[in-house]
Amino acid sequence: MSSLPHISPAMTPTLPAPPVRVHEPGSGDVDIFPLPTDQDFLLVLLDDLFVNHWDKIVFGTLIQGAVFEIRVPAPPRRVRCHDGYLTVDFGLWHFHVCIGLNRGSSRNPTDDGLGRLRRTGRAELYRAISRDGTPRSWGLRLFNGANENQLTVFFPNPLLRDNDKILKQPDYSRLALWDAVRERYLGLPPDPLDRTATGFPCGG
């Protein structure tokens, strides 16, 4: 994109110091690192991930009973935002996520309630925790106003190769994107807990 907002210290979260640990059915314990939900912040973050790190991430939606895990062979042709909707265009296909105020058209305006439902109401970095208390998965999640998953971005996992084969020994260099995103968007240094990850990455 040509004119993205700039991430400044004023745009970083003024929320309780993360993480917040929650227990999610089917997932077990998850560390939540809350993020701002304003359009400018999310646009910069998502543009960064899809333009600069497209070759490292896996993305889709994750709900009870279904998960889409998409890898792409090339960067997007275009990332833009119009009427609150982010579009990430890969040429043959694209996707939309509502991250801002959706007004609709003059002929078909969006009412306030529907606009709040569509728009991202919760954004977070997350870290899934195994039963032994060590991390096993890292990423970004967006949820709409009904708390439905809009988008999940899975970050490189030190327990897995790019082909999802389990590594015999953890490769903690694969936490580089997680560390960089935490530092840029939350002002947090690398967490020693992440370097304790070991074993099988799936399951609660």
Protein backbone atom coordinates (compact mmCIF):
# COMPACT_ATOMS: atom_id res chain seq x y z
CA MET A 1 0.00 0.00 0.00
CA SER A 2 1.14 3.53 -0.59
CA SER A 3 -0.25 5.55 2.33
CA LEU A 4 -0.52 3.41 5.43
CA PRO A 5 -0.94 5.01 8.84
CA HIS A 6 2.26 5.09 10.91
CA ILE A 7 2.51 3.02 14.09
CA SER A 8 3.59 5.37 16.85
CA PRO A 9 3.87 4.83 20.61
CA ALA A 10 0.47 6.47 20.96
CA MET A 11 -1.06 3.65 18.88
CA THR A 12 0.23 0.85 21.11
CA PRO A 13 -2.24 -0.66 23.58
CA THR A 14 -3.14 1.12 26.80
CA LEU A 15 -4.61 -2.11 28.15
CA PRO A 16 -3.68 -4.22 31.20
CA ALA A 17 -0.18 -5.66 30.92
CA PRO A 18 -0.49 -8.87 28.91
CA PRO A 19 -0.84 -11.75 28.86
CA VAL A 20 -4.19 -12.81 30.23
CA ARG A 21 -4.50 -16.59 30.53
CA VAL A 22 -7.90 -18.06 29.70
CA HIS A 23 -9.22 -21.59 29.27
CA GLU A 24 -10.96 -22.26 25.95
CA PRO A 25 -13.05 -25.38 25.28
CA GLY A 26 -11.20 -27.66 22.89
CA SER A 27 -8.02 -25.58 23.04
CA GLY A 28 -7.05 -25.61 26.69
CA ASP A 29 -5.15 -22.72 28.23
CA VAL A 30 -4.36 -19.75 25.97
CA ASP A 31 -2.33 -16.64 26.74
CA ILE A 32 -4.05 -13.56 25.29
CA PHE A 33 -2.14 -10.38 24.39
CA PRO A 34 -4.87 -7.79 23.63
CA LEU A 35 -4.41 -5.43 20.69
CA PRO A 36 -6.21 -2.23 19.65
CA THR A 37 -9.16 -2.70 17.31
CA ASP A 38 -9.14 0.64 15.49
CA GLN A 39 -8.88 0.47 11.70
CA ASP A 40 -5.55 2.33 11.43
CA PHE A 41 -3.79 -0.05 13.79
CA LEU A 42 -5.22 -3.23 12.23
CA LEU A 43 -4.50 -2.02 8.71
CA VAL A 44 -0.83 -1.48 9.49
CA LEU A 45 -0.52 -4.81 11.28
CA LEU A 46 -2.25 -6.87 8.60
CA ASP A 47 -0.44 -5.12 5.75
CA ASP A 48 2.83 -5.87 7.53
CA LEU A 49 2.01 -9.56 7.91
CA PHE A 50 0.65 -10.18 4.44
CA VAL A 51 3.07 -8.01 2.46
CA ASN A 52 6.29 -8.54 4.39
CA HIS A 53 5.77 -12.00 5.89
CA TRP A 54 3.47 -13.78 3.44
CA ASP A 55 6.01 -16.61 3.05
CA LYS A 56 6.10 -17.34 6.79
CA ILE A 57 2.45 -17.33 7.81
CA VAL A 58 -0.48 -19.72 7.51
CA PHE A 59 -3.92 -18.15 7.77
CA GLY A 60 -7.65 -18.80 7.63
CA THR A 61 -10.52 -19.08 10.07
CA LEU A 62 -10.63 -21.27 13.15
CA ILE A 63 -13.94 -22.23 14.76
CA GLN A 64 -15.24 -25.27 16.59
CA GLY A 65 -15.50 -27.97 13.93
CA ALA A 66 -13.53 -26.30 11.14
CA VAL A 67 -10.17 -24.73 10.41
CA PHE A 68 -8.79 -23.33 7.15
CA GLU A 69 -4.97 -23.31 6.91
CA ILE A 70 -3.88 -21.43 3.81
CA ARG A 71 -0.35 -20.93 2.50
CA VAL A 72 0.31 -18.74 -0.51
CA PRO A 73 3.07 -19.05 -3.14
CA ALA A 74 3.48 -15.30 -3.69
CA PRO A 75 2.74 -11.97 -1.97
CA PRO A 76 -0.61 -10.27 -2.49
CA ARG A 77 -1.00 -8.04 -5.52
CA ARG A 78 -2.82 -5.48 -3.42
CA VAL A 79 -3.85 -4.76 0.15
CA ARG A 80 -6.40 -2.01 0.59
CA CYS A 81 -9.22 -0.85 2.83
CA HIS A 82 -12.54 0.52 1.58
CA ASP A 83 -15.67 1.26 3.63
CA GLY A 84 -14.17 -0.55 6.60
CA TYR A 85 -13.33 -3.73 4.71
CA LEU A 86 -9.73 -4.87 4.33
CA THR A 87 -9.14 -6.67 1.03
CA VAL A 88 -6.07 -8.86 0.53
CA ASP A 89 -5.93 -9.67 -3.19
CA PHE A 90 -3.79 -12.57 -4.43
CA GLY A 91 -4.97 -12.33 -8.03
CA LEU A 92 -6.92 -15.54 -8.59
CA TRP A 93 -8.61 -15.12 -5.24
CA HIS A 94 -8.94 -12.65 -2.39
CA PHE A 95 -10.55 -12.23 0.99
CA HIS A 96 -12.28 -9.45 2.91
CA VAL A 97 -12.31 -8.70 6.64
CA CYS A 98 -14.27 -5.84 8.18
CA ILE A 99 -11.82 -3.95 10.42
CA GLY A 100 -13.41 -0.49 10.42
CA LEU A 101 -16.61 1.49 10.14
CA ASN A 102 -18.83 0.01 7.42
CA ARG A 103 -21.30 2.62 6.19
CA GLY A 104 -22.65 0.85 3.12
CA SER A 105 -23.93 2.76 0.09
CA SER A 106 -26.44 5.58 -0.19
CA ARG A 107 -28.96 3.08 -1.56
CA ASN A 108 -28.15 0.41 0.99
CA PRO A 109 -26.69 1.97 4.12
CA THR A 110 -25.45 -0.23 6.94
CA ASP A 111 -27.35 0.30 10.18
CA ASP A 112 -25.34 0.86 13.34
CA GLY A 113 -26.09 -2.52 14.87
CA LEU A 114 -25.04 -4.45 11.80
CA GLY A 115 -21.93 -2.30 11.47
CA ARG A 116 -20.89 -3.16 15.04
CA LEU A 117 -21.53 -6.84 14.36
CA ARG A 118 -19.37 -6.89 11.22
CA ARG A 119 -16.45 -4.89 12.56
CA THR A 120 -13.53 -6.37 14.48
CA GLY A 121 -14.49 -6.17 18.14
CA ARG A 122 -11.53 -8.08 19.54
CA ALA A 123 -7.97 -8.45 18.30
CA GLU A 124 -5.17 -10.31 20.00
CA LEU A 125 -1.91 -12.10 19.75
CA TYR A 126 -2.31 -15.52 21.30
CA ARG A 127 -0.11 -18.31 22.61
CA ALA A 128 -1.64 -21.75 23.17
CA ILE A 129 -0.34 -23.59 26.23
CA SER A 130 0.17 -27.35 26.60
CA ARG A 131 -0.95 -29.29 29.66
CA ASP A 132 2.62 -29.15 30.99
CA GLY A 133 2.55 -25.34 30.94
CA THR A 134 4.80 -24.84 27.90
CA PRO A 135 3.72 -22.99 24.73
CA ARG A 136 2.73 -24.97 21.64
CA SER A 137 1.24 -22.50 19.13
CA TRP A 138 1.50 -18.75 18.38
CA GLY A 139 -0.49 -16.36 16.24
CA LEU A 140 -2.97 -13.53 15.71
CA ARG A 141 -6.77 -13.68 16.00
CA LEU A 142 -9.51 -11.26 15.02
CA PHE A 143 -13.14 -11.61 16.14
CA ASN A 144 -16.20 -9.65 15.02
CA GLY A 145 -18.78 -8.00 17.24
CA ALA A 146 -20.48 -11.34 17.83
CA ASN A 147 -17.17 -12.87 18.97
CA GLU A 148 -16.96 -14.99 15.80
CA ASN A 149 -13.50 -15.63 14.39
CA GLN A 150 -12.85 -13.40 11.38
CA LEU A 151 -9.23 -14.36 10.82
CA THR A 152 -6.52 -16.44 12.43
CA VAL A 153 -2.89 -16.05 11.38
CA PHE A 154 -0.63 -18.89 12.50
CA PHE A 155 2.98 -17.84 13.05
CA PRO A 156 5.99 -20.11 12.43
CA ASN A 157 6.16 -22.79 15.09
CA PRO A 158 9.50 -23.87 16.60
CA LEU A 159 8.10 -27.39 16.98
CA LEU A 160 7.24 -27.78 13.29
CA ARG A 161 8.89 -27.54 9.89
CA ASP A 162 7.24 -25.48 7.15
CA ASN A 163 5.70 -28.75 5.86
CA ASP A 164 4.12 -29.29 9.31
CA LYS A 165 6.38 -32.23 10.11
CA ILE A 166 7.34 -32.34 13.78
CA LEU A 167 10.94 -31.39 14.49
CA LYS A 168 13.07 -33.76 16.55
CA GLN A 169 14.44 -30.75 18.42
CA PRO A 170 12.77 -27.32 18.73
CA ASP A 171 14.09 -24.63 16.40
CA TYR A 172 13.63 -21.46 18.42
CA SER A 173 14.83 -19.29 15.54
CA ARG A 174 11.32 -19.87 14.14
CA LEU A 175 10.00 -17.58 16.89
CA ALA A 176 11.56 -14.58 15.10
CA LEU A 177 8.25 -13.33 13.65
CA TRP A 178 6.43 -13.77 16.97
CA ASP A 179 9.18 -11.84 18.76
CA ALA A 180 9.20 -9.08 16.12
CA VAL A 181 5.43 -8.59 16.16
CA ARG A 182 5.31 -8.54 19.98
CA GLU A 183 8.08 -5.94 20.05
CA ARG A 184 6.68 -3.68 17.33
CA TYR A 185 3.01 -3.75 18.26
CA LEU A 186 3.11 -4.38 22.02
CA GLY A 187 6.55 -3.10 23.00
CA LEU A 188 7.36 -6.45 24.60
CA PRO A 189 10.78 -8.14 24.59
CA PRO A 190 11.22 -11.85 23.84
CA ASP A 191 9.67 -14.04 26.53
CA PRO A 192 11.84 -16.85 27.96
CA LEU A 193 8.68 -18.97 28.33
CA ASP A 194 8.52 -19.30 24.54
CA ARG A 195 11.91 -21.02 24.56
CA THR A 196 10.56 -23.79 26.78
CA ALA A 197 8.32 -25.18 24.03
CA THR A 198 8.96 -28.84 23.31
CA GLY A 199 7.17 -31.97 22.18
CA PHE A 200 3.92 -32.35 20.24
CA PRO A 201 2.37 -29.02 19.19
CA CYS A 202 -1.28 -30.10 18.84
CA GLY A 203 -3.90 -30.71 21.47
CA GLY A 204 -4.70 -29.02 24.77
